[in-house]
Amino acid sequence: MSKTHRFNTTVSLGAKTFPPGADVPLGGKNGLSAEEVAKLEKEFGVWKGGENAARPDGEAATAIAALEKEARALSDRVA
């Protein structure tokens, strides 16, 4: 079993919070047990996102704004 796992939901472990797609530690005193992993995957599904699938909202909004700006610029060039 690997030392980290990714989930489709936010996971809180003590004082740390992991957004969807972040590497969540497994095992030991600070990680999730196999039972907890199974429960989260049953409830929220198995992680299927790619490397860039989980971005914090601020980063996603910035990326979308940049793409929209580029699309307007290209549209203006064509016109």
N, C-alpha and C. Protein backbone atom coordinates (compact mmCIF):
# COMPACT_ATOMS: atom_id res chain seq x y z
N MET A 1 0.84 -1.17 0.00
CA MET A 1 0.00 0.00 0.00
C MET A 1 0.89 1.24 0.00
N SER A 2 0.54 2.24 -0.81
CA SER A 2 1.36 3.45 -0.89
C SER A 2 1.21 4.26 0.39
N LYS A 3 2.03 5.28 0.52
CA LYS A 3 2.02 6.09 1.73
C LYS A 3 1.03 7.25 1.65
N THR A 4 0.51 7.53 0.45
CA THR A 4 -0.49 8.58 0.29
C THR A 4 -1.61 8.10 -0.62
N HIS A 5 -2.72 8.81 -0.59
CA HIS A 5 -3.87 8.46 -1.42
C HIS A 5 -4.62 9.74 -1.76
N ARG A 6 -5.34 9.74 -2.88
CA ARG A 6 -6.13 10.90 -3.28
C ARG A 6 -7.62 10.57 -3.21
N PHE A 7 -8.40 11.59 -2.84
CA PHE A 7 -9.84 11.41 -2.68
C PHE A 7 -10.62 12.47 -3.44
N ASN A 8 -11.91 12.21 -3.70
CA ASN A 8 -12.80 13.15 -4.38
C ASN A 8 -13.42 14.16 -3.42
N THR A 9 -12.98 14.18 -2.20
CA THR A 9 -13.56 15.06 -1.19
C THR A 9 -12.47 15.65 -0.32
N THR A 10 -12.81 16.69 0.41
CA THR A 10 -11.87 17.28 1.35
C THR A 10 -11.74 16.35 2.55
N VAL A 11 -10.49 16.13 2.97
CA VAL A 11 -10.22 15.24 4.10
C VAL A 11 -9.52 16.06 5.19
N SER A 12 -10.02 15.98 6.41
CA SER A 12 -9.41 16.67 7.55
C SER A 12 -8.77 15.64 8.47
N LEU A 13 -7.50 15.86 8.75
CA LEU A 13 -6.76 15.00 9.68
C LEU A 13 -6.16 15.91 10.75
N GLY A 14 -6.76 15.92 11.91
CA GLY A 14 -6.28 16.79 12.97
C GLY A 14 -6.41 18.25 12.55
N ALA A 15 -5.30 18.98 12.57
CA ALA A 15 -5.30 20.40 12.21
C ALA A 15 -5.12 20.61 10.71
N LYS A 16 -4.80 19.55 9.96
CA LYS A 16 -4.56 19.68 8.52
C LYS A 16 -5.80 19.33 7.72
N THR A 17 -6.00 20.07 6.62
CA THR A 17 -7.10 19.80 5.71
C THR A 17 -6.53 19.60 4.32
N PHE A 18 -6.96 18.55 3.64
CA PHE A 18 -6.48 18.22 2.31
C PHE A 18 -7.62 18.38 1.31
N PRO A 19 -7.47 19.26 0.29
CA PRO A 19 -8.53 19.44 -0.70
C PRO A 19 -8.65 18.21 -1.60
N PRO A 20 -9.74 18.10 -2.36
CA PRO A 20 -9.87 16.96 -3.28
C PRO A 20 -8.67 16.86 -4.21
N GLY A 21 -8.12 15.67 -4.34
CA GLY A 21 -6.99 15.44 -5.22
C GLY A 21 -5.64 15.59 -4.57
N ALA A 22 -5.59 16.11 -3.34
CA ALA A 22 -4.31 16.25 -2.65
C ALA A 22 -3.87 14.90 -2.10
N ASP A 23 -2.56 14.75 -1.91
CA ASP A 23 -2.04 13.51 -1.34
C ASP A 23 -2.30 13.48 0.16
N VAL A 24 -3.11 12.53 0.60
CA VAL A 24 -3.47 12.37 2.01
C VAL A 24 -2.62 11.23 2.57
N PRO A 25 -1.93 11.46 3.70
CA PRO A 25 -1.09 10.40 4.27
C PRO A 25 -1.91 9.21 4.76
N LEU A 26 -1.31 8.04 4.63
CA LEU A 26 -1.95 6.80 5.06
C LEU A 26 -1.12 6.13 6.13
N GLY A 27 -1.79 5.44 7.04
CA GLY A 27 -1.11 4.66 8.06
C GLY A 27 -0.43 5.50 9.12
N GLY A 28 0.18 4.83 10.06
CA GLY A 28 0.88 5.51 11.15
C GLY A 28 -0.09 6.25 12.06
N LYS A 29 0.46 7.11 12.92
CA LYS A 29 -0.41 7.81 13.85
C LYS A 29 -1.05 9.06 13.24
N ASN A 30 -0.54 9.55 12.10
CA ASN A 30 -1.09 10.77 11.49
C ASN A 30 -1.83 10.53 10.18
N GLY A 31 -2.01 9.28 9.79
CA GLY A 31 -2.64 8.99 8.51
C GLY A 31 -3.94 8.22 8.66
N LEU A 32 -4.59 8.02 7.53
CA LEU A 32 -5.85 7.28 7.51
C LEU A 32 -5.60 5.78 7.51
N SER A 33 -6.51 5.05 8.12
CA SER A 33 -6.43 3.59 8.11
C SER A 33 -7.07 3.06 6.84
N ALA A 34 -6.86 1.80 6.55
CA ALA A 34 -7.45 1.17 5.36
C ALA A 34 -8.97 1.21 5.43
N GLU A 35 -9.52 1.07 6.62
CA GLU A 35 -10.98 1.12 6.79
C GLU A 35 -11.52 2.51 6.46
N GLU A 36 -10.81 3.56 6.89
CA GLU A 36 -11.24 4.93 6.61
C GLU A 36 -11.15 5.23 5.12
N VAL A 37 -10.12 4.71 4.47
CA VAL A 37 -9.97 4.89 3.02
C VAL A 37 -11.15 4.24 2.30
N ALA A 38 -11.47 3.00 2.69
CA ALA A 38 -12.58 2.29 2.06
C ALA A 38 -13.91 3.04 2.27
N LYS A 39 -14.11 3.57 3.46
CA LYS A 39 -15.34 4.29 3.76
C LYS A 39 -15.45 5.56 2.90
N LEU A 40 -14.37 6.33 2.79
CA LEU A 40 -14.39 7.55 1.98
C LEU A 40 -14.61 7.24 0.50
N GLU A 41 -13.96 6.19 0.00
CA GLU A 41 -14.14 5.83 -1.41
C GLU A 41 -15.54 5.29 -1.68
N LYS A 42 -16.13 4.60 -0.73
CA LYS A 42 -17.51 4.12 -0.90
C LYS A 42 -18.47 5.30 -0.93
N GLU A 43 -18.24 6.28 -0.06
CA GLU A 43 -19.12 7.44 0.07
C GLU A 43 -18.97 8.41 -1.10
N PHE A 44 -17.73 8.69 -1.53
CA PHE A 44 -17.48 9.74 -2.52
C PHE A 44 -16.92 9.24 -3.85
N GLY A 45 -16.66 7.96 -3.98
CA GLY A 45 -16.12 7.40 -5.21
C GLY A 45 -14.60 7.40 -5.21
N VAL A 46 -14.04 6.66 -6.15
CA VAL A 46 -12.59 6.52 -6.29
C VAL A 46 -12.07 7.72 -7.07
N TRP A 47 -10.92 8.24 -6.65
CA TRP A 47 -10.28 9.38 -7.33
C TRP A 47 -9.93 8.98 -8.76
N LYS A 48 -10.40 9.78 -9.75
CA LYS A 48 -10.11 9.51 -11.15
C LYS A 48 -9.51 10.72 -11.85
N GLY A 49 -9.27 11.79 -11.10
CA GLY A 49 -8.74 13.02 -11.68
C GLY A 49 -7.28 12.89 -12.08
N GLY A 50 -6.86 13.77 -12.94
CA GLY A 50 -5.47 13.80 -13.36
C GLY A 50 -4.64 14.67 -12.43
N GLU A 51 -3.40 14.91 -12.79
CA GLU A 51 -2.50 15.71 -11.96
C GLU A 51 -3.03 17.12 -11.74
N ASN A 52 -3.70 17.69 -12.73
CA ASN A 52 -4.17 19.06 -12.62
C ASN A 52 -5.66 19.15 -12.28
N ALA A 53 -6.28 18.04 -11.94
CA ALA A 53 -7.73 18.04 -11.71
C ALA A 53 -8.12 18.78 -10.44
N ALA A 54 -7.33 18.68 -9.42
CA ALA A 54 -7.68 19.34 -8.16
C ALA A 54 -6.87 20.60 -7.98
N ARG A 55 -7.49 21.73 -8.20
CA ARG A 55 -6.84 23.00 -7.97
C ARG A 55 -7.68 23.78 -6.97
N PRO A 56 -7.03 24.48 -6.07
CA PRO A 56 -7.82 25.34 -5.18
C PRO A 56 -8.63 26.34 -6.00
N ASP A 57 -9.79 26.76 -5.49
CA ASP A 57 -10.70 27.63 -6.21
C ASP A 57 -10.03 28.88 -6.77
N GLY A 58 -9.15 29.50 -6.01
CA GLY A 58 -8.47 30.71 -6.46
C GLY A 58 -7.63 30.46 -7.70
N GLU A 59 -6.91 29.37 -7.72
CA GLU A 59 -6.08 29.03 -8.88
C GLU A 59 -6.95 28.72 -10.09
N ALA A 60 -8.04 28.01 -9.88
CA ALA A 60 -8.93 27.67 -10.99
C ALA A 60 -9.55 28.94 -11.57
N ALA A 61 -9.98 29.86 -10.71
CA ALA A 61 -10.57 31.11 -11.18
C ALA A 61 -9.56 31.93 -11.98
N THR A 62 -8.32 31.94 -11.54
CA THR A 62 -7.27 32.66 -12.25
C THR A 62 -7.03 32.03 -13.62
N ALA A 63 -6.97 30.72 -13.67
CA ALA A 63 -6.75 30.02 -14.94
C ALA A 63 -7.91 30.27 -15.91
N ILE A 64 -9.14 30.24 -15.41
CA ILE A 64 -10.31 30.48 -16.26
C ILE A 64 -10.29 31.90 -16.79
N ALA A 65 -9.98 32.86 -15.93
CA ALA A 65 -9.92 34.27 -16.35
C ALA A 65 -8.87 34.46 -17.45
N ALA A 66 -7.72 33.82 -17.31
CA ALA A 66 -6.68 33.93 -18.32
C ALA A 66 -7.13 33.33 -19.64
N LEU A 67 -7.81 32.19 -19.59
CA LEU A 67 -8.31 31.57 -20.82
C LEU A 67 -9.39 32.42 -21.48
N GLU A 68 -10.28 33.01 -20.68
CA GLU A 68 -11.31 33.89 -21.25
C GLU A 68 -10.69 35.12 -21.89
N LYS A 69 -9.66 35.67 -21.27
CA LYS A 69 -8.96 36.84 -21.83
C LYS A 69 -8.31 36.47 -23.16
N GLU A 70 -7.68 35.31 -23.21
CA GLU A 70 -7.04 34.86 -24.44
C GLU A 70 -8.08 34.62 -25.53
N ALA A 71 -9.23 34.06 -25.18
CA ALA A 71 -10.30 33.82 -26.15
C ALA A 71 -10.82 35.14 -26.71
N ARG A 72 -11.00 36.16 -25.86
CA ARG A 72 -11.45 37.48 -26.35
C ARG A 72 -10.41 38.07 -27.28
N ALA A 73 -9.13 37.96 -26.93
CA ALA A 73 -8.06 38.51 -27.77
C ALA A 73 -8.05 37.83 -29.15
N LEU A 74 -8.20 36.52 -29.17
CA LEU A 74 -8.23 35.80 -30.44
C LEU A 74 -9.47 36.17 -31.25
N SER A 75 -10.59 36.32 -30.58
CA SER A 75 -11.82 36.71 -31.26
C SER A 75 -11.67 38.09 -31.88
N ASP A 76 -11.06 39.01 -31.15
CA ASP A 76 -10.83 40.36 -31.67
C ASP A 76 -9.89 40.34 -32.86
N ARG A 77 -8.88 39.48 -32.82
CA ARG A 77 -7.93 39.37 -33.96
C ARG A 77 -8.62 38.88 -35.21
N VAL A 78 -9.52 37.92 -35.04
CA VAL A 78 -10.23 37.35 -36.19
C VAL A 78 -11.18 38.39 -36.78
N ALA A 79 -11.82 39.15 -35.93
CA ALA A 79 -12.76 40.17 -36.39
C ALA A 79 -12.00 41.29 -37.01
